[in-house]
Amino acid sequence: MTIAYYTFTILLAFCLLMFLYWPWIEMKIQAESVSRSPANLQEYAELLQTQDALLENLKDLELDHQMEKISDIDYQELREKLLQAASDLYKKIDSFESGCTLIMSIQNDLSKNEADKSI
């Protein structure tokens, strides 16, 4: 057999391995590019503070409506705006938390693989 045959076989095996392992490699690259920097943690803390403020505003709005301090029309408009803001906020929080969960999962998998290799 010739050198060209061996070269072709090795190249084909390499392409097959890259095809099979590419999703894992891509996740590893993304996990390394996304950091859990203090800025990201600060953003998460701000999201949670905003969540608390929105919930407090909804409670106050309900109380004001029950005490008839605001009209039914104003109540409905304000309530819809607050609920929409809360919905958008929860999407951001979910996105942040799922990103952190993915990163932590990948890091755990990588550390397990490294521990298995050292055994």
Protein backbone atom coordinates (compact mmCIF):
# COMPACT_ATOMS: atom_id res chain seq x y z
CA MET A 1 0.00 0.00 0.00
CA THR A 2 1.17 3.45 -0.77
CA ILE A 3 1.73 6.53 1.32
CA ALA A 4 -1.23 8.21 -0.39
CA TYR A 5 -3.52 5.43 0.87
CA TYR A 6 -2.31 5.85 4.46
CA THR A 7 -2.57 9.62 4.23
CA PHE A 8 -6.11 9.37 2.88
CA THR A 9 -7.11 6.92 5.64
CA ILE A 10 -5.70 9.12 8.38
CA LEU A 11 -7.37 12.20 6.91
CA LEU A 12 -10.70 10.38 6.66
CA ALA A 13 -10.44 9.17 10.28
CA PHE A 14 -9.60 12.70 11.44
CA CYS A 15 -12.63 14.15 9.60
CA LEU A 16 -14.89 11.48 11.09
CA LEU A 17 -13.64 12.20 14.60
CA MET A 18 -14.11 15.95 14.13
CA PHE A 19 -17.65 15.35 12.88
CA LEU A 20 -18.49 13.21 15.91
CA TYR A 21 -16.83 15.37 18.56
CA TRP A 22 -17.56 18.81 17.15
CA PRO A 23 -20.65 19.48 19.36
CA TRP A 24 -18.61 18.71 22.47
CA ILE A 25 -15.68 20.85 21.29
CA GLU A 26 -18.05 23.72 20.45
CA MET A 27 -19.65 23.59 23.93
CA LYS A 28 -16.21 23.63 25.53
CA ILE A 29 -15.24 26.70 23.50
CA GLN A 30 -18.45 28.47 24.46
CA ALA A 31 -18.00 27.61 28.13
CA GLU A 32 -14.50 29.05 28.09
CA SER A 33 -15.65 32.21 26.32
CA VAL A 34 -18.44 32.88 28.83
CA SER A 35 -16.99 33.86 32.14
CA ARG A 36 -18.53 34.17 35.54
CA SER A 37 -16.91 37.53 36.02
CA PRO A 38 -17.94 39.96 38.74
CA ALA A 39 -19.69 42.04 36.07
CA ASN A 40 -21.94 39.10 35.17
CA LEU A 41 -22.64 38.38 38.82
CA GLN A 42 -23.41 42.07 39.37
CA GLU A 43 -25.86 41.98 36.46
CA TYR A 44 -27.53 38.90 37.98
CA ALA A 45 -27.82 40.63 41.36
CA GLU A 46 -29.39 43.64 39.67
CA LEU A 47 -31.91 41.38 37.92
CA LEU A 48 -32.89 39.86 41.26
CA GLN A 49 -33.24 43.32 42.83
CA THR A 50 -35.45 44.40 39.94
CA GLN A 51 -37.53 41.26 40.44
CA ASP A 52 -38.07 42.15 44.10
CA ALA A 53 -39.05 45.71 43.16
CA LEU A 54 -41.54 44.51 40.53
CA LEU A 55 -43.18 42.13 42.97
CA GLU A 56 -43.43 44.89 45.55
CA ASN A 57 -44.97 47.22 42.94
CA LEU A 58 -47.55 44.57 42.02
CA LYS A 59 -48.48 44.13 45.69
CA ASP A 60 -48.79 47.90 46.15
CA LEU A 61 -50.91 48.16 43.02
CA GLU A 62 -53.26 45.44 44.29
CA LEU A 63 -53.56 47.17 47.64
CA ASP A 64 -54.23 50.56 46.03
CA HIS A 65 -56.90 49.02 43.82
CA GLN A 66 -58.58 47.27 46.77
CA MET A 67 -58.59 50.55 48.69
CA GLU A 68 -60.05 52.24 45.57
CA LYS A 69 -57.19 54.72 45.30
CA ILE A 70 -56.97 54.07 41.55
CA SER A 71 -59.62 53.41 38.94
CA ASP A 72 -60.23 50.03 37.35
CA ILE A 73 -58.92 51.26 33.99
CA ASP A 74 -55.69 52.61 35.49
CA TYR A 75 -55.31 49.44 37.51
CA GLN A 76 -55.62 47.24 34.41
CA GLU A 77 -53.14 49.35 32.43
CA LEU A 78 -50.55 49.46 35.20
CA ARG A 79 -51.00 45.79 35.99
CA GLU A 80 -50.46 44.80 32.35
CA LYS A 81 -47.31 46.93 32.15
CA LEU A 82 -45.91 45.45 35.36
CA LEU A 83 -46.74 41.90 34.28
CA GLN A 84 -45.06 42.45 30.90
CA ALA A 85 -41.98 43.87 32.62
CA ALA A 86 -41.95 40.88 34.98
CA SER A 87 -42.26 38.47 32.06
CA ASP A 88 -39.31 40.09 30.27
CA LEU A 89 -37.30 40.06 33.48
CA TYR A 90 -38.00 36.38 34.13
CA LYS A 91 -36.80 35.55 30.61
CA LYS A 92 -33.52 37.35 31.31
CA ILE A 93 -33.11 35.59 34.66
CA ASP A 94 -33.85 32.19 33.09
CA SER A 95 -31.38 32.89 30.31
CA PHE A 96 -28.69 33.84 32.81
CA GLU A 97 -29.37 30.85 35.07
CA SER A 98 -29.49 28.35 32.21
CA GLY A 99 -26.19 29.74 30.89
CA CYS A 100 -24.59 29.30 34.29
CA THR A 101 -26.05 25.81 34.61
CA LEU A 102 -24.64 24.85 31.22
CA ILE A 103 -21.22 26.23 32.12
CA MET A 104 -21.21 24.45 35.47
CA SER A 105 -22.31 21.19 33.84
CA ILE A 106 -19.55 21.40 31.23
CA GLN A 107 -16.96 22.28 33.86
CA ASN A 108 -18.06 19.29 35.98
CA ASP A 109 -17.85 16.98 32.98
CA LEU A 110 -14.39 18.27 32.11
CA SER A 111 -13.14 17.87 35.67
CA LYS A 112 -14.54 14.32 35.80
CA ASN A 113 -12.79 13.49 32.51
CA GLU A 114 -9.51 14.92 33.82
CA ALA A 115 -9.89 12.94 37.06
CA ASP A 116 -10.60 9.76 35.10
CA LYS A 117 -7.49 10.31 32.97
CA SER A 118 -5.29 10.74 36.03
CA ILE A 119 -6.43 7.43 37.54
